[in-house]
Amino acid sequence: AVSYALQIGYRHIDTASVYGNEEGVGKGVVESGI
C-alpha cells in the first residue's frame, strides 16, 4: 500500500507506534524507490 501510494504520487505517509506496522511502512518507503 505504501509503496504503491508513493509510486503514484503520494508523498505523505502516516503511521503510529501503536499501529504495529512501522516496519512495514519503512519497507514500503524503500520499495517505492522515492
Full PDB file with SEQRES, HELIX, SHEET, SSBOND, CRYST1, ORIGX, SCALE, CONECT and MASTER records, all heavy atoms in Angstrom:
SEQRES   1 A   34  ALA VAL SER TYR ALA LEU GLN ILE GLY TYR ARG HIS ILE          
SEQRES   2 A   34  ASP THR ALA SER VAL TYR GLY ASN GLU GLU GLY VAL GLY          
SEQRES   3 A   34  LYS GLY VAL VAL GLU SER GLY ILE                              
HELIX    1 AA1 VAL A    2  GLN A    7  1                                   6    
HELIX    2 AA2 SER A   17  TYR A   19  5                                   3    
HELIX    3 AA3 GLU A   22  SER A   32  1                                  11    
CRYST1    1.000    1.000    1.000  90.00  90.00  90.00 P 1           1          
ORIGX1      1.000000  0.000000  0.000000        0.00000                         
ORIGX2      0.000000  1.000000  0.000000        0.00000                         
ORIGX3      0.000000  0.000000  1.000000        0.00000                         
SCALE1      1.000000  0.000000  0.000000        0.00000                         
SCALE2      0.000000  1.000000  0.000000        0.00000                         
SCALE3      0.000000  0.000000  1.000000        0.00000                         
ATOM      1  N   ALA A   1       0.838  -1.204   0.000  1.00  0.00           N  
ATOM      2  CA  ALA A   1       0.000   0.000   0.000  1.00  0.00           C  
ATOM      3  C   ALA A   1       0.871   1.252   0.000  1.00  0.00           C  
ATOM      4  O   ALA A   1       0.646   2.195  -0.777  1.00  0.00           O  
ATOM      5  CB  ALA A   1      -0.934   0.003   1.202  1.00  0.00           C  
ATOM      6  N   VAL A   2       1.874   1.285   0.876  1.00  0.00           N  
ATOM      7  CA  VAL A   2       2.762   2.443   0.977  1.00  0.00           C  
ATOM      8  C   VAL A   2       3.569   2.615  -0.311  1.00  0.00           C  
ATOM      9  O   VAL A   2       3.661   3.719  -0.868  1.00  0.00           O  
ATOM     10  CB  VAL A   2       3.697   2.311   2.191  1.00  0.00           C  
ATOM     11  CG1 VAL A   2       4.811   3.355   2.157  1.00  0.00           C  
ATOM     12  CG2 VAL A   2       2.892   2.434   3.480  1.00  0.00           C  
ATOM     13  N   SER A   3       4.130   1.535  -0.787  1.00  0.00           N  
ATOM     14  CA  SER A   3       4.945   1.602  -1.994  1.00  0.00           C  
ATOM     15  C   SER A   3       4.129   2.080  -3.189  1.00  0.00           C  
ATOM     16  O   SER A   3       4.559   2.961  -3.944  1.00  0.00           O  
ATOM     17  CB  SER A   3       5.561   0.236  -2.288  1.00  0.00           C  
ATOM     18  OG  SER A   3       6.314   0.270  -3.483  1.00  0.00           O  
ATOM     19  N   TYR A   4       2.918   1.532  -3.339  1.00  0.00           N  
ATOM     20  CA  TYR A   4       2.066   1.917  -4.464  1.00  0.00           C  
ATOM     21  C   TYR A   4       1.658   3.386  -4.363  1.00  0.00           C  
ATOM     22  O   TYR A   4       1.725   4.131  -5.350  1.00  0.00           O  
ATOM     23  CB  TYR A   4       0.822   1.031  -4.515  1.00  0.00           C  
ATOM     24  CG  TYR A   4      -0.147   1.435  -5.603  1.00  0.00           C  
ATOM     25  CD1 TYR A   4       0.139   1.171  -6.943  1.00  0.00           C  
ATOM     26  CD2 TYR A   4      -1.337   2.095  -5.300  1.00  0.00           C  
ATOM     27  CE1 TYR A   4      -0.733   1.554  -7.949  1.00  0.00           C  
ATOM     28  CE2 TYR A   4      -2.214   2.482  -6.301  1.00  0.00           C  
ATOM     29  CZ  TYR A   4      -1.903   2.210  -7.624  1.00  0.00           C  
ATOM     30  OH  TYR A   4      -2.774   2.597  -8.618  1.00  0.00           O  
ATOM     31  N   ALA A   5       1.242   3.802  -3.179  1.00  0.00           N  
ATOM     32  CA  ALA A   5       0.821   5.190  -2.992  1.00  0.00           C  
ATOM     33  C   ALA A   5       1.941   6.151  -3.375  1.00  0.00           C  
ATOM     34  O   ALA A   5       1.715   7.152  -4.073  1.00  0.00           O  
ATOM     35  CB  ALA A   5       0.383   5.425  -1.550  1.00  0.00           C  
ATOM     36  N   LEU A   6       3.142   5.858  -2.932  1.00  0.00           N  
ATOM     37  CA  LEU A   6       4.268   6.736  -3.239  1.00  0.00           C  
ATOM     38  C   LEU A   6       4.598   6.722  -4.726  1.00  0.00           C  
ATOM     39  O   LEU A   6       4.923   7.754  -5.319  1.00  0.00           O  
ATOM     40  CB  LEU A   6       5.490   6.337  -2.410  1.00  0.00           C  
ATOM     41  CG  LEU A   6       5.343   6.517  -0.893  1.00  0.00           C  
ATOM     42  CD1 LEU A   6       6.582   6.001  -0.168  1.00  0.00           C  
ATOM     43  CD2 LEU A   6       5.098   7.979  -0.536  1.00  0.00           C  
ATOM     44  N   GLN A   7       4.471   5.567  -5.343  1.00  0.00           N  
ATOM     45  CA  GLN A   7       4.786   5.463  -6.769  1.00  0.00           C  
ATOM     46  C   GLN A   7       3.801   6.258  -7.631  1.00  0.00           C  
ATOM     47  O   GLN A   7       4.174   6.754  -8.694  1.00  0.00           O  
ATOM     48  CB  GLN A   7       4.809   4.003  -7.200  1.00  0.00           C  
ATOM     49  CG  GLN A   7       6.026   3.245  -6.706  1.00  0.00           C  
ATOM     50  CD  GLN A   7       5.928   1.742  -6.919  1.00  0.00           C  
ATOM     51  OE1 GLN A   7       5.001   1.250  -7.543  1.00  0.00           O  
ATOM     52  NE2 GLN A   7       6.889   1.012  -6.384  1.00  0.00           N  
ATOM     53  N   ILE A   8       2.544   6.415  -7.173  1.00  0.00           N  
ATOM     54  CA  ILE A   8       1.574   7.157  -7.992  1.00  0.00           C  
ATOM     55  C   ILE A   8       1.500   8.638  -7.604  1.00  0.00           C  
ATOM     56  O   ILE A   8       0.678   9.369  -8.150  1.00  0.00           O  
ATOM     57  CB  ILE A   8       0.169   6.519  -7.947  1.00  0.00           C  
ATOM     58  CG1 ILE A   8      -0.464   6.639  -6.554  1.00  0.00           C  
ATOM     59  CG2 ILE A   8       0.217   5.077  -8.427  1.00  0.00           C  
ATOM     60  CD1 ILE A   8      -1.939   6.270  -6.527  1.00  0.00           C  
ATOM     61  N   GLY A   9       2.342   9.053  -6.674  1.00  0.00           N  
ATOM     62  CA  GLY A   9       2.425  10.478  -6.405  1.00  0.00           C  
ATOM     63  C   GLY A   9       2.191  10.941  -4.983  1.00  0.00           C  
ATOM     64  O   GLY A   9       2.452  12.108  -4.650  1.00  0.00           O  
ATOM     65  N   TYR A  10       1.651  10.079  -4.107  1.00  0.00           N  
ATOM     66  CA  TYR A  10       1.540  10.465  -2.698  1.00  0.00           C  
ATOM     67  C   TYR A  10       2.948  10.732  -2.156  1.00  0.00           C  
ATOM     68  O   TYR A  10       3.922  10.107  -2.575  1.00  0.00           O  
ATOM     69  CB  TYR A  10       0.928   9.337  -1.870  1.00  0.00           C  
ATOM     70  CG  TYR A  10      -0.556   9.123  -1.974  1.00  0.00           C  
ATOM     71  CD1 TYR A  10      -1.121   8.535  -3.101  1.00  0.00           C  
ATOM     72  CD2 TYR A  10      -1.404   9.458  -0.920  1.00  0.00           C  
ATOM     73  CE1 TYR A  10      -2.487   8.299  -3.187  1.00  0.00           C  
ATOM     74  CE2 TYR A  10      -2.774   9.227  -0.987  1.00  0.00           C  
ATOM     75  CZ  TYR A  10      -3.314   8.647  -2.121  1.00  0.00           C  
ATOM     76  OH  TYR A  10      -4.663   8.415  -2.196  1.00  0.00           O  
ATOM     77  N   ARG A  11       3.022  11.648  -1.188  1.00  0.00           N  
ATOM     78  CA  ARG A  11       4.308  11.920  -0.553  1.00  0.00           C  
ATOM     79  C   ARG A  11       4.206  11.937   0.973  1.00  0.00           C  
ATOM     80  O   ARG A  11       5.204  12.138   1.656  1.00  0.00           O  
ATOM     81  CB  ARG A  11       4.860  13.271  -1.049  1.00  0.00           C  
ATOM     82  CG  ARG A  11       5.298  13.240  -2.527  1.00  0.00           C  
ATOM     83  CD  ARG A  11       6.471  12.301  -2.725  1.00  0.00           C  
ATOM     84  NE  ARG A  11       6.909  12.182  -4.100  1.00  0.00           N  
ATOM     85  CZ  ARG A  11       6.531  11.214  -4.934  1.00  0.00           C  
ATOM     86  NH1 ARG A  11       5.683  10.279  -4.525  1.00  0.00           N  
ATOM     87  NH2 ARG A  11       7.007  11.155  -6.153  1.00  0.00           N  
ATOM     88  N   HIS A  12       3.031  11.715   1.502  1.00  0.00           N  
ATOM     89  CA  HIS A  12       2.762  11.827   2.938  1.00  0.00           C  
ATOM     90  C   HIS A  12       2.242  10.481   3.437  1.00  0.00           C  
ATOM     91  O   HIS A  12       1.215   9.987   2.960  1.00  0.00           O  
ATOM     92  CB  HIS A  12       1.729  12.943   3.123  1.00  0.00           C  
ATOM     93  CG  HIS A  12       1.280  13.181   4.533  1.00  0.00           C  
ATOM     94  ND1 HIS A  12       0.469  14.248   4.876  1.00  0.00           N  
ATOM     95  CD2 HIS A  12       1.491  12.507   5.697  1.00  0.00           C  
ATOM     96  CE1 HIS A  12       0.214  14.216   6.166  1.00  0.00           C  
ATOM     97  NE2 HIS A  12       0.823  13.160   6.688  1.00  0.00           N  
ATOM     98  N   ILE A  13       2.956   9.871   4.374  1.00  0.00           N  
ATOM     99  CA  ILE A  13       2.570   8.582   4.951  1.00  0.00           C  
ATOM    100  C   ILE A  13       2.442   8.739   6.458  1.00  0.00           C  
ATOM    101  O   ILE A  13       3.363   9.216   7.129  1.00  0.00           O  
ATOM    102  CB  ILE A  13       3.605   7.481   4.643  1.00  0.00           C  
ATOM    103  CG1 ILE A  13       3.849   7.361   3.129  1.00  0.00           C  
ATOM    104  CG2 ILE A  13       3.157   6.145   5.239  1.00  0.00           C  
ATOM    105  CD1 ILE A  13       2.653   6.888   2.318  1.00  0.00           C  
ATOM    106  N   ASP A  14       1.292   8.321   7.006  1.00  0.00           N  
ATOM    107  CA  ASP A  14       1.022   8.474   8.436  1.00  0.00           C  
ATOM    108  C   ASP A  14       0.923   7.107   9.115  1.00  0.00           C  
ATOM    109  O   ASP A  14       0.155   6.244   8.682  1.00  0.00           O  
ATOM    110  CB  ASP A  14      -0.305   9.222   8.625  1.00  0.00           C  
ATOM    111  CG  ASP A  14      -0.629   9.454  10.095  1.00  0.00           C  
ATOM    112  OD1 ASP A  14      -1.189   8.525  10.735  1.00  0.00           O  
ATOM    113  OD2 ASP A  14      -0.331  10.547  10.603  1.00  0.00           O  
ATOM    114  N   THR A  15       1.715   6.928  10.172  1.00  0.00           N  
ATOM    115  CA  THR A  15       1.639   5.713  10.971  1.00  0.00           C  
ATOM    116  C   THR A  15       1.728   6.091  12.449  1.00  0.00           C  
ATOM    117  O   THR A  15       1.671   7.262  12.809  1.00  0.00           O  
ATOM    118  CB  THR A  15       2.741   4.701  10.577  1.00  0.00           C  
ATOM    119  OG1 THR A  15       2.540   3.471  11.300  1.00  0.00           O  
ATOM    120  CG2 THR A  15       4.133   5.226  10.848  1.00  0.00           C  
ATOM    121  N   ALA A  16       1.848   5.101  13.322  1.00  0.00           N  
ATOM    122  CA  ALA A  16       1.982   5.324  14.763  1.00  0.00           C  
ATOM    123  C   ALA A  16       2.551   4.054  15.376  1.00  0.00           C  
ATOM    124  O   ALA A  16       2.332   2.956  14.857  1.00  0.00           O  
ATOM    125  CB  ALA A  16       0.633   5.654  15.397  1.00  0.00           C  
ATOM    126  N   SER A  17       3.231   4.223  16.490  1.00  0.00           N  
ATOM    127  CA  SER A  17       3.817   3.036  17.122  1.00  0.00           C  
ATOM    128  C   SER A  17       2.753   2.018  17.492  1.00  0.00           C  
ATOM    129  O   SER A  17       2.945   0.806  17.325  1.00  0.00           O  
ATOM    130  CB  SER A  17       4.623   3.438  18.361  1.00  0.00           C  
ATOM    131  OG  SER A  17       3.795   4.069  19.323  1.00  0.00           O  
ATOM    132  N   VAL A  18       1.599   2.485  17.959  1.00  0.00           N  
ATOM    133  CA  VAL A  18       0.551   1.566  18.397  1.00  0.00           C  
ATOM    134  C   VAL A  18      -0.083   0.809  17.233  1.00  0.00           C  
ATOM    135  O   VAL A  18      -0.704  -0.234  17.441  1.00  0.00           O  
ATOM    136  CB  VAL A  18      -0.525   2.313  19.214  1.00  0.00           C  
ATOM    137  CG1 VAL A  18      -1.466   3.107  18.312  1.00  0.00           C  
ATOM    138  CG2 VAL A  18      -1.312   1.341  20.105  1.00  0.00           C  
ATOM    139  N   TYR A  19       0.089   1.291  16.007  1.00  0.00           N  
ATOM    140  CA  TYR A  19      -0.456   0.574  14.853  1.00  0.00           C  
ATOM    141  C   TYR A  19       0.280  -0.746  14.627  1.00  0.00           C  
ATOM    142  O   TYR A  19      -0.245  -1.643  13.968  1.00  0.00           O  
ATOM    143  CB  TYR A  19      -0.360   1.401  13.572  1.00  0.00           C  
ATOM    144  CG  TYR A  19      -1.142   2.699  13.560  1.00  0.00           C  
ATOM    145  CD1 TYR A  19      -0.991   3.602  12.520  1.00  0.00           C  
ATOM    146  CD2 TYR A  19      -2.020   3.038  14.589  1.00  0.00           C  
ATOM    147  CE1 TYR A  19      -1.688   4.806  12.499  1.00  0.00           C  
ATOM    148  CE2 TYR A  19      -2.715   4.232  14.577  1.00  0.00           C  
ATOM    149  CZ  TYR A  19      -2.542   5.115  13.533  1.00  0.00           C  
ATOM    150  OH  TYR A  19      -3.227   6.307  13.502  1.00  0.00           O  
ATOM    151  N   GLY A  20       1.508  -0.824  15.132  1.00  0.00           N  
ATOM    152  CA  GLY A  20       2.267  -2.070  14.987  1.00  0.00           C  
ATOM    153  C   GLY A  20       2.722  -2.362  13.571  1.00  0.00           C  
ATOM    154  O   GLY A  20       3.008  -3.517  13.247  1.00  0.00           O  
ATOM    155  N   ASN A  21       2.808  -1.323  12.730  1.00  0.00           N  
ATOM    156  CA  ASN A  21       3.190  -1.584  11.339  1.00  0.00           C  
ATOM    157  C   ASN A  21       4.315  -0.680  10.842  1.00  0.00           C  
ATOM    158  O   ASN A  21       4.499  -0.507   9.632  1.00  0.00           O  
ATOM    159  CB  ASN A  21       1.972  -1.445  10.414  1.00  0.00           C  
ATOM    160  CG  ASN A  21       1.338  -0.057  10.447  1.00  0.00           C  
ATOM    161  OD1 ASN A  21       1.942   0.904  10.907  1.00  0.00           O  
ATOM    162  ND2 ASN A  21       0.110   0.041   9.959  1.00  0.00           N  
ATOM    163  N   GLU A  22       5.075  -0.104  11.771  1.00  0.00           N  
ATOM    164  CA  GLU A  22       6.142   0.813  11.351  1.00  0.00           C  
ATOM    165  C   GLU A  22       7.194   0.106  10.497  1.00  0.00           C  
ATOM    166  O   GLU A  22       7.721   0.688   9.541  1.00  0.00           O  
ATOM    167  CB  GLU A  22       6.793   1.470  12.574  1.00  0.00           C  
ATOM    168  CG  GLU A  22       5.902   2.508  13.247  1.00  0.00           C  
ATOM    169  CD  GLU A  22       6.481   3.047  14.542  1.00  0.00           C  
ATOM    170  OE1 GLU A  22       6.940   2.228  15.375  1.00  0.00           O  
ATOM    171  OE2 GLU A  22       6.463   4.270  14.733  1.00  0.00           O  
ATOM    172  N   GLU A  23       7.481  -1.156  10.809  1.00  0.00           N  
ATOM    173  CA  GLU A  23       8.458  -1.881   9.984  1.00  0.00           C  
ATOM    174  C   GLU A  23       7.970  -1.991   8.542  1.00  0.00           C  
ATOM    175  O   GLU A  23       8.728  -1.761   7.589  1.00  0.00           O  
ATOM    176  CB  GLU A  23       8.715  -3.294  10.538  1.00  0.00           C  
ATOM    177  CG  GLU A  23       9.374  -3.319  11.893  1.00  0.00           C  
ATOM    178  CD  GLU A  23       8.368  -3.447  13.027  1.00  0.00           C  
ATOM    179  OE1 GLU A  23       7.186  -3.160  12.809  1.00  0.00           O  
ATOM    180  OE2 GLU A  23       8.780  -3.846  14.130  1.00  0.00           O  
ATOM    181  N   GLY A  24       6.701  -2.341   8.385  1.00  0.00           N  
ATOM    182  CA  GLY A  24       6.138  -2.482   7.043  1.00  0.00           C  
ATOM    183  C   GLY A  24       6.104  -1.165   6.296  1.00  0.00           C  
ATOM    184  O   GLY A  24       6.373  -1.113   5.091  1.00  0.00           O  
ATOM    185  N   VAL A  25       5.770  -0.097   7.015  1.00  0.00           N  
ATOM    186  CA  VAL A  25       5.770   1.229   6.392  1.00  0.00           C  
ATOM    187  C   VAL A  25       7.168   1.564   5.901  1.00  0.00           C  
ATOM    188  O   VAL A  25       7.359   2.052   4.775  1.00  0.00           O  
ATOM    189  CB  VAL A  25       5.266   2.296   7.388  1.00  0.00           C  
ATOM    190  CG1 VAL A  25       5.548   3.702   6.858  1.00  0.00           C  
ATOM    191  CG2 VAL A  25       3.776   2.117   7.644  1.00  0.00           C  
ATOM    192  N   GLY A  26       8.163   1.309   6.738  1.00  0.00           N  
ATOM    193  CA  GLY A  26       9.546   1.578   6.341  1.00  0.00           C  
ATOM    194  C   GLY A  26       9.962   0.790   5.119  1.00  0.00           C  
ATOM    195  O   GLY A  26      10.643   1.320   4.222  1.00  0.00           O  
ATOM    196  N   LYS A  27       9.541  -0.468   5.044  1.00  0.00           N  
ATOM    197  CA  LYS A  27       9.868  -1.294   3.872  1.00  0.00           C  
ATOM    198  C   LYS A  27       9.181  -0.744   2.622  1.00  0.00           C  
ATOM    199  O   LYS A  27       9.757  -0.739   1.528  1.00  0.00           O  
ATOM    200  CB  LYS A  27       9.440  -2.742   4.113  1.00  0.00           C  
ATOM    201  CG  LYS A  27      10.292  -3.475   5.137  1.00  0.00           C  
ATOM    202  CD  LYS A  27       9.748  -4.875   5.396  1.00  0.00           C  
ATOM    203  CE  LYS A  27      10.526  -5.580   6.506  1.00  0.00           C  
ATOM    204  NZ  LYS A  27       9.914  -6.895   6.846  1.00  0.00           N  
ATOM    205  N   GLY A  28       7.936  -0.282   2.796  1.00  0.00           N  
ATOM    206  CA  GLY A  28       7.214   0.290   1.661  1.00  0.00           C  
ATOM    207  C   GLY A  28       7.898   1.538   1.134  1.00  0.00           C  
ATOM    208  O   GLY A  28       7.941   1.765  -0.082  1.00  0.00           O  
ATOM    209  N   VAL A  29       8.428   2.338   2.053  1.00  0.00           N  
ATOM    210  CA  VAL A  29       9.170   3.539   1.656  1.00  0.00           C  
ATOM    211  C   VAL A  29      10.371   3.152   0.800  1.00  0.00           C  
ATOM    212  O   VAL A  29      10.614   3.730  -0.267  1.00  0.00           O  
ATOM    213  CB  VAL A  29       9.616   4.336   2.899  1.00  0.00           C  
ATOM    214  CG1 VAL A  29      10.662   5.379   2.525  1.00  0.00           C  
ATOM    215  CG2 VAL A  29       8.415   4.998   3.563  1.00  0.00           C  
ATOM    216  N   VAL A  30      11.106   2.131   1.242  1.00  0.00           N  
ATOM    217  CA  VAL A  30      12.290   1.684   0.490  1.00  0.00           C  
ATOM    218  C   VAL A  30      11.878   1.128  -0.869  1.00  0.00           C  
ATOM    219  O   VAL A  30      12.466   1.464  -1.910  1.00  0.00           O  
ATOM    220  CB  VAL A  30      13.065   0.622   1.292  1.00  0.00           C  
ATOM    221  CG1 VAL A  30      14.155  -0.001   0.429  1.00  0.00           C  
ATOM    222  CG2 VAL A  30      13.683   1.247   2.537  1.00  0.00           C  
ATOM    223  N   GLU A  31      10.838   0.287  -0.883  1.00  0.00           N  
ATOM    224  CA  GLU A  31      10.423  -0.360  -2.130  1.00  0.00           C  
ATOM    225  C   GLU A  31       9.875   0.626  -3.152  1.00  0.00           C  
ATOM    226  O   GLU A  31       9.901   0.372  -4.355  1.00  0.00           O  
ATOM    227  CB  GLU A  31       9.383  -1.450  -1.846  1.00  0.00           C  
ATOM    228  CG  GLU A  31       9.969  -2.673  -1.173  1.00  0.00           C  
ATOM    229  CD  GLU A  31       9.013  -3.852  -1.172  1.00  0.00           C  
ATOM    230  OE1 GLU A  31       7.956  -3.774  -1.832  1.00  0.00           O  
ATOM    231  OE2 GLU A  31       9.343  -4.863  -0.516  1.00  0.00           O  
ATOM    232  N   SER A  32       9.384   1.771  -2.684  1.00  0.00           N  
ATOM    233  CA  SER A  32       8.830   2.759  -3.613  1.00  0.00           C  
ATOM    234  C   SER A  32       9.893   3.352  -4.519  1.00  0.00           C  
ATOM    235  O   SER A  32       9.601   3.798  -5.638  1.00  0.00           O  
ATOM    236  CB  SER A  32       8.152   3.894  -2.840  1.00  0.00           C  
ATOM    237  OG  SER A  32       9.107   4.771  -2.250  1.00  0.00           O  
ATOM    238  N   GLY A  33      11.126   3.397  -4.026  1.00  0.00           N  
ATOM    239  CA  GLY A  33      12.209   3.982  -4.798  1.00  0.00           C  
ATOM    240  C   GLY A  33      12.226   5.500  -4.770  1.00  0.00           C  
ATOM    241  O   GLY A  33      13.064   6.131  -5.421  1.00  0.00           O  
ATOM    242  N   ILE A  34      11.310   6.121  -4.004  1.00  0.00           N  
ATOM    243  CA  ILE A  34      11.254   7.585  -3.908  1.00  0.00           C  
ATOM    244  C   ILE A  34      12.321   8.066  -2.924  1.00  0.00           C  
ATOM    245  O   ILE A  34      12.483   7.494  -1.847  1.00  0.00           O  
ATOM    246  CB  ILE A  34       9.861   8.066  -3.465  1.00  0.00           C  
ATOM    247  CG1 ILE A  34       8.775   7.497  -4.383  1.00  0.00           C  
ATOM    248  CG2 ILE A  34       9.811   9.589  -3.440  1.00  0.00           C  
ATOM    249  CD1 ILE A  34       8.886   7.909  -5.821  1.00  0.00           C  
TER     250      ILE A  34                                                      
MASTER        0    0    0    3    0    0    0    6  249    1    0    3          
END                                                                             
